[in-house]
Amino acid sequence: GRFTYVNFAGARALGFEQNYFLGK
């Protein structure tokens, strides 16, 4: 149930860098 990928546009729209989501 951990994030292994979030695209650049999605991460930016939520106000984060892509790597912020990884493993969470």
mmCIF file of all heavy atoms, coordinates in Angstrom:
data_MODEL
# 
_entry.id   MODEL 
# 
loop_
_atom_site.group_PDB 
_atom_site.id 
_atom_site.type_symbol 
_atom_site.label_atom_id 
_atom_site.label_alt_id 
_atom_site.label_comp_id 
_atom_site.label_asym_id 
_atom_site.label_entity_id 
_atom_site.label_seq_id 
_atom_site.pdbx_PDB_ins_code 
_atom_site.Cartn_x 
_atom_site.Cartn_y 
_atom_site.Cartn_z 
_atom_site.occupancy 
_atom_site.B_iso_or_equiv 
_atom_site.pdbx_formal_charge 
_atom_site.auth_seq_id 
_atom_site.auth_comp_id 
_atom_site.auth_asym_id 
_atom_site.auth_atom_id 
_atom_site.pdbx_PDB_model_num 
ATOM 1   N N   . GLY A 1 1  ? 0.786  -1.222 0.000   1.00 0.00 ? 1  GLY A N   1 
ATOM 2   C CA  . GLY A 1 1  ? 0.000  0.000  0.000   1.00 0.00 ? 1  GLY A CA  1 
ATOM 3   C C   . GLY A 1 1  ? 0.822  1.279  0.000   1.00 0.00 ? 1  GLY A C   1 
ATOM 4   O O   . GLY A 1 1  ? 0.354  2.318  0.440   1.00 0.00 ? 1  GLY A O   1 
ATOM 5   N N   . ARG A 1 2  ? 2.058  1.193  -0.494  1.00 0.00 ? 2  ARG A N   1 
ATOM 6   C CA  . ARG A 1 2  ? 2.920  2.370  -0.519  1.00 0.00 ? 2  ARG A CA  1 
ATOM 7   C C   . ARG A 1 2  ? 3.035  2.908  -1.938  1.00 0.00 ? 2  ARG A C   1 
ATOM 8   O O   . ARG A 1 2  ? 3.018  2.163  -2.897  1.00 0.00 ? 2  ARG A O   1 
ATOM 9   C CB  . ARG A 1 2  ? 4.303  2.017  0.017   1.00 0.00 ? 2  ARG A CB  1 
ATOM 10  C CG  . ARG A 1 2  ? 4.242  1.552  1.459   1.00 0.00 ? 2  ARG A CG  1 
ATOM 11  C CD  . ARG A 1 2  ? 5.629  1.388  2.060   1.00 0.00 ? 2  ARG A CD  1 
ATOM 12  N NE  . ARG A 1 2  ? 5.533  0.909  3.413   1.00 0.00 ? 2  ARG A NE  1 
ATOM 13  C CZ  . ARG A 1 2  ? 5.271  1.675  4.472   1.00 0.00 ? 2  ARG A CZ  1 
ATOM 14  N NH1 . ARG A 1 2  ? 5.072  2.960  4.310   1.00 0.00 ? 2  ARG A NH1 1 
ATOM 15  N NH2 . ARG A 1 2  ? 5.203  1.169  5.674   1.00 0.00 ? 2  ARG A NH2 1 
ATOM 16  N N   . PHE A 1 3  ? 3.151  4.212  -2.038  1.00 0.00 ? 3  PHE A N   1 
ATOM 17  C CA  . PHE A 1 3  ? 3.325  4.845  -3.338  1.00 0.00 ? 3  PHE A CA  1 
ATOM 18  C C   . PHE A 1 3  ? 4.700  4.510  -3.889  1.00 0.00 ? 3  PHE A C   1 
ATOM 19  O O   . PHE A 1 3  ? 5.703  4.642  -3.199  1.00 0.00 ? 3  PHE A O   1 
ATOM 20  C CB  . PHE A 1 3  ? 3.193  6.372  -3.227  1.00 0.00 ? 3  PHE A CB  1 
ATOM 21  C CG  . PHE A 1 3  ? 1.787  6.833  -2.995  1.00 0.00 ? 3  PHE A CG  1 
ATOM 22  C CD1 . PHE A 1 3  ? 1.308  7.004  -1.708  1.00 0.00 ? 3  PHE A CD1 1 
ATOM 23  C CD2 . PHE A 1 3  ? 0.948  7.094  -4.061  1.00 0.00 ? 3  PHE A CD2 1 
ATOM 24  C CE1 . PHE A 1 3  ? 0.013  7.437  -1.489  1.00 0.00 ? 3  PHE A CE1 1 
ATOM 25  C CE2 . PHE A 1 3  ? -0.353 7.526  -3.855  1.00 0.00 ? 3  PHE A CE2 1 
ATOM 26  C CZ  . PHE A 1 3  ? -0.814 7.698  -2.552  1.00 0.00 ? 3  PHE A CZ  1 
ATOM 27  N N   . THR A 1 4  ? 4.732  4.072  -5.135  1.00 0.00 ? 4  THR A N   1 
ATOM 28  C CA  . THR A 1 4  ? 6.004  3.806  -5.811  1.00 0.00 ? 4  THR A CA  1 
ATOM 29  C C   . THR A 1 4  ? 6.241  4.783  -6.947  1.00 0.00 ? 4  THR A C   1 
ATOM 30  O O   . THR A 1 4  ? 7.338  4.875  -7.476  1.00 0.00 ? 4  THR A O   1 
ATOM 31  C CB  . THR A 1 4  ? 6.062  2.369  -6.369  1.00 0.00 ? 4  THR A CB  1 
ATOM 32  O OG1 . THR A 1 4  ? 4.970  2.185  -7.280  1.00 0.00 ? 4  THR A OG1 1 
ATOM 33  C CG2 . THR A 1 4  ? 6.007  1.349  -5.247  1.00 0.00 ? 4  THR A CG2 1 
ATOM 34  N N   . TYR A 1 5  ? 5.195  5.526  -7.320  1.00 0.00 ? 5  TYR A N   1 
ATOM 35  C CA  . TYR A 1 5  ? 5.339  6.517  -8.383  1.00 0.00 ? 5  TYR A CA  1 
ATOM 36  C C   . TYR A 1 5  ? 4.203  7.523  -8.291  1.00 0.00 ? 5  TYR A C   1 
ATOM 37  O O   . TYR A 1 5  ? 3.048  7.143  -8.051  1.00 0.00 ? 5  TYR A O   1 
ATOM 38  C CB  . TYR A 1 5  ? 5.305  5.853  -9.761  1.00 0.00 ? 5  TYR A CB  1 
ATOM 39  C CG  . TYR A 1 5  ? 5.352  6.867  -10.891 1.00 0.00 ? 5  TYR A CG  1 
ATOM 40  C CD1 . TYR A 1 5  ? 6.556  7.462  -11.263 1.00 0.00 ? 5  TYR A CD1 1 
ATOM 41  C CD2 . TYR A 1 5  ? 4.202  7.249  -11.556 1.00 0.00 ? 5  TYR A CD2 1 
ATOM 42  C CE1 . TYR A 1 5  ? 6.604  8.403  -12.273 1.00 0.00 ? 5  TYR A CE1 1 
ATOM 43  C CE2 . TYR A 1 5  ? 4.243  8.186  -12.575 1.00 0.00 ? 5  TYR A CE2 1 
ATOM 44  C CZ  . TYR A 1 5  ? 5.444  8.763  -12.925 1.00 0.00 ? 5  TYR A CZ  1 
ATOM 45  O OH  . TYR A 1 5  ? 5.487  9.702  -13.917 1.00 0.00 ? 5  TYR A OH  1 
ATOM 46  N N   . VAL A 1 6  ? 4.515  8.771  -8.457  1.00 0.00 ? 6  VAL A N   1 
ATOM 47  C CA  . VAL A 1 6  ? 3.538  9.849  -8.617  1.00 0.00 ? 6  VAL A CA  1 
ATOM 48  C C   . VAL A 1 6  ? 4.078  10.733 -9.722  1.00 0.00 ? 6  VAL A C   1 
ATOM 49  O O   . VAL A 1 6  ? 5.249  11.118 -9.686  1.00 0.00 ? 6  VAL A O   1 
ATOM 50  C CB  . VAL A 1 6  ? 3.368  10.664 -7.309  1.00 0.00 ? 6  VAL A CB  1 
ATOM 51  C CG1 . VAL A 1 6  ? 2.486  11.868 -7.542  1.00 0.00 ? 6  VAL A CG1 1 
ATOM 52  C CG2 . VAL A 1 6  ? 2.796  9.794  -6.201  1.00 0.00 ? 6  VAL A CG2 1 
ATOM 53  N N   . ASN A 1 7  ? 3.248  11.037 -10.720 1.00 0.00 ? 7  ASN A N   1 
ATOM 54  C CA  . ASN A 1 7  ? 3.776  11.833 -11.827 1.00 0.00 ? 7  ASN A CA  1 
ATOM 55  C C   . ASN A 1 7  ? 4.048  13.275 -11.396 1.00 0.00 ? 7  ASN A C   1 
ATOM 56  O O   . ASN A 1 7  ? 3.517  13.754 -10.389 1.00 0.00 ? 7  ASN A O   1 
ATOM 57  C CB  . ASN A 1 7  ? 2.892  11.744 -13.077 1.00 0.00 ? 7  ASN A CB  1 
ATOM 58  C CG  . ASN A 1 7  ? 1.577  12.480 -12.939 1.00 0.00 ? 7  ASN A CG  1 
ATOM 59  O OD1 . ASN A 1 7  ? 1.469  13.511 -12.304 1.00 0.00 ? 7  ASN A OD1 1 
ATOM 60  N ND2 . ASN A 1 7  ? 0.550  11.930 -13.567 1.00 0.00 ? 7  ASN A ND2 1 
ATOM 61  N N   . PHE A 1 8  ? 4.886  13.936 -12.163 1.00 0.00 ? 8  PHE A N   1 
ATOM 62  C CA  . PHE A 1 8  ? 5.338  15.284 -11.840 1.00 0.00 ? 8  PHE A CA  1 
ATOM 63  C C   . PHE A 1 8  ? 4.167  16.255 -11.683 1.00 0.00 ? 8  PHE A C   1 
ATOM 64  O O   . PHE A 1 8  ? 4.100  17.008 -10.711 1.00 0.00 ? 8  PHE A O   1 
ATOM 65  C CB  . PHE A 1 8  ? 6.307  15.793 -12.918 1.00 0.00 ? 8  PHE A CB  1 
ATOM 66  C CG  . PHE A 1 8  ? 6.738  17.208 -12.711 1.00 0.00 ? 8  PHE A CG  1 
ATOM 67  C CD1 . PHE A 1 8  ? 7.716  17.517 -11.775 1.00 0.00 ? 8  PHE A CD1 1 
ATOM 68  C CD2 . PHE A 1 8  ? 6.158  18.229 -13.447 1.00 0.00 ? 8  PHE A CD2 1 
ATOM 69  C CE1 . PHE A 1 8  ? 8.101  18.838 -11.576 1.00 0.00 ? 8  PHE A CE1 1 
ATOM 70  C CE2 . PHE A 1 8  ? 6.539  19.546 -13.252 1.00 0.00 ? 8  PHE A CE2 1 
ATOM 71  C CZ  . PHE A 1 8  ? 7.512  19.853 -12.310 1.00 0.00 ? 8  PHE A CZ  1 
ATOM 72  N N   . ALA A 1 9  ? 3.237  16.220 -12.637 1.00 0.00 ? 9  ALA A N   1 
ATOM 73  C CA  . ALA A 1 9  ? 2.116  17.158 -12.602 1.00 0.00 ? 9  ALA A CA  1 
ATOM 74  C C   . ALA A 1 9  ? 1.232  16.938 -11.372 1.00 0.00 ? 9  ALA A C   1 
ATOM 75  O O   . ALA A 1 9  ? 0.794  17.893 -10.737 1.00 0.00 ? 9  ALA A O   1 
ATOM 76  C CB  . ALA A 1 9  ? 1.290  17.036 -13.884 1.00 0.00 ? 9  ALA A CB  1 
ATOM 77  N N   . GLY A 1 10 ? 0.981  15.676 -11.041 1.00 0.00 ? 10 GLY A N   1 
ATOM 78  C CA  . GLY A 1 10 ? 0.167  15.378 -9.865  1.00 0.00 ? 10 GLY A CA  1 
ATOM 79  C C   . GLY A 1 10 ? 0.814  15.838 -8.579  1.00 0.00 ? 10 GLY A C   1 
ATOM 80  O O   . GLY A 1 10 ? 0.167  16.429 -7.713  1.00 0.00 ? 10 GLY A O   1 
ATOM 81  N N   . ALA A 1 11 ? 2.096  15.566 -8.443  1.00 0.00 ? 11 ALA A N   1 
ATOM 82  C CA  . ALA A 1 11 ? 2.822  15.989 -7.240  1.00 0.00 ? 11 ALA A CA  1 
ATOM 83  C C   . ALA A 1 11 ? 2.835  17.506 -7.134  1.00 0.00 ? 11 ALA A C   1 
ATOM 84  O O   . ALA A 1 11 ? 2.574  18.073 -6.066  1.00 0.00 ? 11 ALA A O   1 
ATOM 85  C CB  . ALA A 1 11 ? 4.250  15.442 -7.271  1.00 0.00 ? 11 ALA A CB  1 
ATOM 86  N N   . ARG A 1 12 ? 3.105  18.169 -8.238  1.00 0.00 ? 12 ARG A N   1 
ATOM 87  C CA  . ARG A 1 12 ? 3.167  19.637 -8.240  1.00 0.00 ? 12 ARG A CA  1 
ATOM 88  C C   . ARG A 1 12 ? 1.804  20.247 -7.924  1.00 0.00 ? 12 ARG A C   1 
ATOM 89  O O   . ARG A 1 12 ? 1.713  21.237 -7.193  1.00 0.00 ? 12 ARG A O   1 
ATOM 90  C CB  . ARG A 1 12 ? 3.685  20.134 -9.575  1.00 0.00 ? 12 ARG A CB  1 
ATOM 91  C CG  . ARG A 1 12 ? 3.942  21.606 -9.583  1.00 0.00 ? 12 ARG A CG  1 
ATOM 92  C CD  . ARG A 1 12 ? 4.721  21.989 -10.828 1.00 0.00 ? 12 ARG A CD  1 
ATOM 93  N NE  . ARG A 1 12 ? 4.992  23.391 -10.820 1.00 0.00 ? 12 ARG A NE  1 
ATOM 94  C CZ  . ARG A 1 12 ? 6.173  23.923 -10.552 1.00 0.00 ? 12 ARG A CZ  1 
ATOM 95  N NH1 . ARG A 1 12 ? 7.190  23.148 -10.296 1.00 0.00 ? 12 ARG A NH1 1 
ATOM 96  N NH2 . ARG A 1 12 ? 6.333  25.220 -10.568 1.00 0.00 ? 12 ARG A NH2 1 
ATOM 97  N N   . ALA A 1 13 ? 0.733  19.656 -8.459  1.00 0.00 ? 13 ALA A N   1 
ATOM 98  C CA  . ALA A 1 13 ? -0.614 20.162 -8.192  1.00 0.00 ? 13 ALA A CA  1 
ATOM 99  C C   . ALA A 1 13 ? -0.960 20.090 -6.713  1.00 0.00 ? 13 ALA A C   1 
ATOM 100 O O   . ALA A 1 13 ? -1.686 20.934 -6.193  1.00 0.00 ? 13 ALA A O   1 
ATOM 101 C CB  . ALA A 1 13 ? -1.637 19.380 -9.013  1.00 0.00 ? 13 ALA A CB  1 
ATOM 102 N N   . LEU A 1 14 ? -0.411 19.082 -6.040  1.00 0.00 ? 14 LEU A N   1 
ATOM 103 C CA  . LEU A 1 14 ? -0.643 18.935 -4.600  1.00 0.00 ? 14 LEU A CA  1 
ATOM 104 C C   . LEU A 1 14 ? 0.365  19.719 -3.768  1.00 0.00 ? 14 LEU A C   1 
ATOM 105 O O   . LEU A 1 14 ? 0.285  19.742 -2.545  1.00 0.00 ? 14 LEU A O   1 
ATOM 106 C CB  . LEU A 1 14 ? -0.602 17.449 -4.221  1.00 0.00 ? 14 LEU A CB  1 
ATOM 107 C CG  . LEU A 1 14 ? -1.737 16.615 -4.806  1.00 0.00 ? 14 LEU A CG  1 
ATOM 108 C CD1 . LEU A 1 14 ? -1.475 15.136 -4.583  1.00 0.00 ? 14 LEU A CD1 1 
ATOM 109 C CD2 . LEU A 1 14 ? -3.076 17.020 -4.214  1.00 0.00 ? 14 LEU A CD2 1 
ATOM 110 N N   . GLY A 1 15 ? 1.340  20.342 -4.439  1.00 0.00 ? 15 GLY A N   1 
ATOM 111 C CA  . GLY A 1 15 ? 2.303  21.190 -3.738  1.00 0.00 ? 15 GLY A CA  1 
ATOM 112 C C   . GLY A 1 15 ? 3.519  20.460 -3.212  1.00 0.00 ? 15 GLY A C   1 
ATOM 113 O O   . GLY A 1 15 ? 4.152  20.930 -2.267  1.00 0.00 ? 15 GLY A O   1 
ATOM 114 N N   . PHE A 1 16 ? 3.872  19.314 -3.809  1.00 0.00 ? 16 PHE A N   1 
ATOM 115 C CA  . PHE A 1 16 ? 5.001  18.523 -3.337  1.00 0.00 ? 16 PHE A CA  1 
ATOM 116 C C   . PHE A 1 16 ? 5.937  18.154 -4.488  1.00 0.00 ? 16 PHE A C   1 
ATOM 117 O O   . PHE A 1 16 ? 5.547  18.206 -5.644  1.00 0.00 ? 16 PHE A O   1 
ATOM 118 C CB  . PHE A 1 16 ? 4.519  17.217 -2.692  1.00 0.00 ? 16 PHE A CB  1 
ATOM 119 C CG  . PHE A 1 16 ? 3.687  17.427 -1.464  1.00 0.00 ? 16 PHE A CG  1 
ATOM 120 C CD1 . PHE A 1 16 ? 2.305  17.359 -1.530  1.00 0.00 ? 16 PHE A CD1 1 
ATOM 121 C CD2 . PHE A 1 16 ? 4.283  17.690 -0.246  1.00 0.00 ? 16 PHE A CD2 1 
ATOM 122 C CE1 . PHE A 1 16 ? 1.537  17.554 -0.407  1.00 0.00 ? 16 PHE A CE1 1 
ATOM 123 C CE2 . PHE A 1 16 ? 3.517  17.885 0.893   1.00 0.00 ? 16 PHE A CE2 1 
ATOM 124 C CZ  . PHE A 1 16 ? 2.135  17.820 0.814   1.00 0.00 ? 16 PHE A CZ  1 
ATOM 125 N N   . GLU A 1 17 ? 7.136  17.743 -4.143  1.00 0.00 ? 17 GLU A N   1 
ATOM 126 C CA  . GLU A 1 17 ? 8.049  17.141 -5.099  1.00 0.00 ? 17 GLU A CA  1 
ATOM 127 C C   . GLU A 1 17 ? 7.630  15.686 -5.280  1.00 0.00 ? 17 GLU A C   1 
ATOM 128 O O   . GLU A 1 17 ? 7.026  15.087 -4.386  1.00 0.00 ? 17 GLU A O   1 
ATOM 129 C CB  . GLU A 1 17 ? 9.492  17.191 -4.574  1.00 0.00 ? 17 GLU A CB  1 
ATOM 130 C CG  . GLU A 1 17 ? 10.027 18.591 -4.368  1.00 0.00 ? 17 GLU A CG  1 
ATOM 131 C CD  . GLU A 1 17 ? 10.237 19.336 -5.670  1.00 0.00 ? 17 GLU A CD  1 
ATOM 132 O OE1 . GLU A 1 17 ? 10.588 18.682 -6.669  1.00 0.00 ? 17 GLU A OE1 1 
ATOM 133 O OE2 . GLU A 1 17 ? 10.029 20.557 -5.690  1.00 0.00 ? 17 GLU A OE2 1 
ATOM 134 N N   . GLN A 1 18 ? 7.958  15.099 -6.430  1.00 0.00 ? 18 GLN A N   1 
ATOM 135 C CA  . GLN A 1 18 ? 7.582  13.707 -6.684  1.00 0.00 ? 18 GLN A CA  1 
ATOM 136 C C   . GLN A 1 18 ? 8.094  12.763 -5.604  1.00 0.00 ? 18 GLN A C   1 
ATOM 137 O O   . GLN A 1 18 ? 7.372  11.881 -5.143  1.00 0.00 ? 18 GLN A O   1 
ATOM 138 C CB  . GLN A 1 18 ? 8.136  13.241 -8.027  1.00 0.00 ? 18 GLN A CB  1 
ATOM 139 C CG  . GLN A 1 18 ? 7.363  13.726 -9.215  1.00 0.00 ? 18 GLN A CG  1 
ATOM 140 C CD  . GLN A 1 18 ? 8.008  13.282 -10.502 1.00 0.00 ? 18 GLN A CD  1 
ATOM 141 O OE1 . GLN A 1 18 ? 9.044  13.811 -10.872 1.00 0.00 ? 18 GLN A OE1 1 
ATOM 142 N NE2 . GLN A 1 18 ? 7.418  12.318 -11.162 1.00 0.00 ? 18 GLN A NE2 1 
ATOM 143 N N   . ASN A 1 19 ? 9.341  12.922 -5.194  1.00 0.00 ? 19 ASN A N   1 
ATOM 144 C CA  . ASN A 1 19 ? 9.933  11.970 -4.246  1.00 0.00 ? 19 ASN A CA  1 
ATOM 145 C C   . ASN A 1 19 ? 9.314  12.044 -2.859  1.00 0.00 ? 19 ASN A C   1 
ATOM 146 O O   . ASN A 1 19 ? 9.514  11.149 -2.050  1.00 0.00 ? 19 ASN A O   1 
ATOM 147 C CB  . ASN A 1 19 ? 11.447 12.128 -4.191  1.00 0.00 ? 19 ASN A CB  1 
ATOM 148 C CG  . ASN A 1 19 ? 11.884 13.490 -3.691  1.00 0.00 ? 19 ASN A CG  1 
ATOM 149 O OD1 . ASN A 1 19 ? 11.064 14.351 -3.380  1.00 0.00 ? 19 ASN A OD1 1 
ATOM 150 N ND2 . ASN A 1 19 ? 13.185 13.699 -3.631  1.00 0.00 ? 19 ASN A ND2 1 
ATOM 151 N N   . TYR A 1 20 ? 8.532  13.084 -2.563  1.00 0.00 ? 20 TYR A N   1 
ATOM 152 C CA  . TYR A 1 20 ? 7.869  13.194 -1.262  1.00 0.00 ? 20 TYR A CA  1 
ATOM 153 C C   . TYR A 1 20 ? 6.947  11.999 -1.018  1.00 0.00 ? 20 TYR A C   1 
ATOM 154 O O   . TYR A 1 20 ? 6.812  11.524 0.105   1.00 0.00 ? 20 TYR A O   1 
ATOM 155 C CB  . TYR A 1 20 ? 7.076  14.501 -1.177  1.00 0.00 ? 20 TYR A CB  1 
ATOM 156 C CG  . TYR A 1 20 ? 6.234  14.604 0.064   1.00 0.00 ? 20 TYR A CG  1 
ATOM 157 C CD1 . TYR A 1 20 ? 6.810  14.953 1.280   1.00 0.00 ? 20 TYR A CD1 1 
ATOM 158 C CD2 . TYR A 1 20 ? 4.868  14.323 0.037   1.00 0.00 ? 20 TYR A CD2 1 
ATOM 159 C CE1 . TYR A 1 20 ? 6.041  15.035 2.432   1.00 0.00 ? 20 TYR A CE1 1 
ATOM 160 C CE2 . TYR A 1 20 ? 4.102  14.400 1.175   1.00 0.00 ? 20 TYR A CE2 1 
ATOM 161 C CZ  . TYR A 1 20 ? 4.696  14.756 2.366   1.00 0.00 ? 20 TYR A CZ  1 
ATOM 162 O OH  . TYR A 1 20 ? 3.934  14.824 3.508   1.00 0.00 ? 20 TYR A OH  1 
ATOM 163 N N   . PHE A 1 21 ? 6.299  11.504 -2.068  1.00 0.00 ? 21 PHE A N   1 
ATOM 164 C CA  . PHE A 1 21 ? 5.305  10.436 -1.951  1.00 0.00 ? 21 PHE A CA  1 
ATOM 165 C C   . PHE A 1 21 ? 5.902  9.042  -1.853  1.00 0.00 ? 21 PHE A C   1 
ATOM 166 O O   . PHE A 1 21 ? 5.270  8.130  -1.323  1.00 0.00 ? 21 PHE A O   1 
ATOM 167 C CB  . PHE A 1 21 ? 4.361  10.469 -3.162  1.00 0.00 ? 21 PHE A CB  1 
ATOM 168 C CG  . PHE A 1 21 ? 3.528  11.706 -3.227  1.00 0.00 ? 21 PHE A CG  1 
ATOM 169 C CD1 . PHE A 1 21 ? 3.993  12.828 -3.887  1.00 0.00 ? 21 PHE A CD1 1 
ATOM 170 C CD2 . PHE A 1 21 ? 2.286  11.748 -2.632  1.00 0.00 ? 21 PHE A CD2 1 
ATOM 171 C CE1 . PHE A 1 21 ? 3.224  13.986 -3.947  1.00 0.00 ? 21 PHE A CE1 1 
ATOM 172 C CE2 . PHE A 1 21 ? 1.510  12.894 -2.690  1.00 0.00 ? 21 PHE A CE2 1 
ATOM 173 C CZ  . PHE A 1 21 ? 1.987  14.018 -3.346  1.00 0.00 ? 21 PHE A CZ  1 
ATOM 174 N N   . LEU A 1 22 ? 7.087  8.863  -2.393  1.00 0.00 ? 22 LEU A N   1 
ATOM 175 C CA  . LEU A 1 22 ? 7.658  7.528  -2.507  1.00 0.00 ? 22 LEU A CA  1 
ATOM 176 C C   . LEU A 1 22 ? 7.798  6.838  -1.158  1.00 0.00 ? 22 LEU A C   1 
ATOM 177 O O   . LEU A 1 22 ? 8.362  7.392  -0.216  1.00 0.00 ? 22 LEU A O   1 
ATOM 178 C CB  . LEU A 1 22 ? 9.002  7.588  -3.221  1.00 0.00 ? 22 LEU A CB  1 
ATOM 179 C CG  . LEU A 1 22 ? 8.956  8.203  -4.615  1.00 0.00 ? 22 LEU A CG  1 
ATOM 180 C CD1 . LEU A 1 22 ? 10.345 8.155  -5.250  1.00 0.00 ? 22 LEU A CD1 1 
ATOM 181 C CD2 . LEU A 1 22 ? 7.931  7.530  -5.505  1.00 0.00 ? 22 LEU A CD2 1 
ATOM 182 N N   . GLY A 1 23 ? 7.263  5.631  -1.077  1.00 0.00 ? 23 GLY A N   1 
ATOM 183 C CA  . GLY A 1 23 ? 7.344  4.839  0.135   1.00 0.00 ? 23 GLY A CA  1 
ATOM 184 C C   . GLY A 1 23 ? 6.283  5.164  1.170   1.00 0.00 ? 23 GLY A C   1 
ATOM 185 O O   . GLY A 1 23 ? 6.166  4.478  2.176   1.00 0.00 ? 23 GLY A O   1 
ATOM 186 N N   . LYS A 1 24 ? 5.481  6.193  0.932   1.00 0.00 ? 24 LYS A N   1 
ATOM 187 C CA  . LYS A 1 24 ? 4.457  6.590  1.899   1.00 0.00 ? 24 LYS A CA  1 
ATOM 188 C C   . LYS A 1 24 ? 3.129  5.883  1.593   1.00 0.00 ? 24 LYS A C   1 
ATOM 189 O O   . LYS A 1 24 ? 2.870  5.448  0.483   1.00 0.00 ? 24 LYS A O   1 
ATOM 190 C CB  . LYS A 1 24 ? 4.260  8.100  1.867   1.00 0.00 ? 24 LYS A CB  1 
ATOM 191 C CG  . LYS A 1 24 ? 5.426  8.878  2.445   1.00 0.00 ? 24 LYS A CG  1 
ATOM 192 C CD  . LYS A 1 24 ? 5.101  10.358 2.499   1.00 0.00 ? 24 LYS A CD  1 
ATOM 193 C CE  . LYS A 1 24 ? 6.103  11.142 3.291   1.00 0.00 ? 24 LYS A CE  1 
ATOM 194 N NZ  . LYS A 1 24 ? 7.426  11.212 2.778   1.00 0.00 ? 24 LYS A NZ  1 
# 
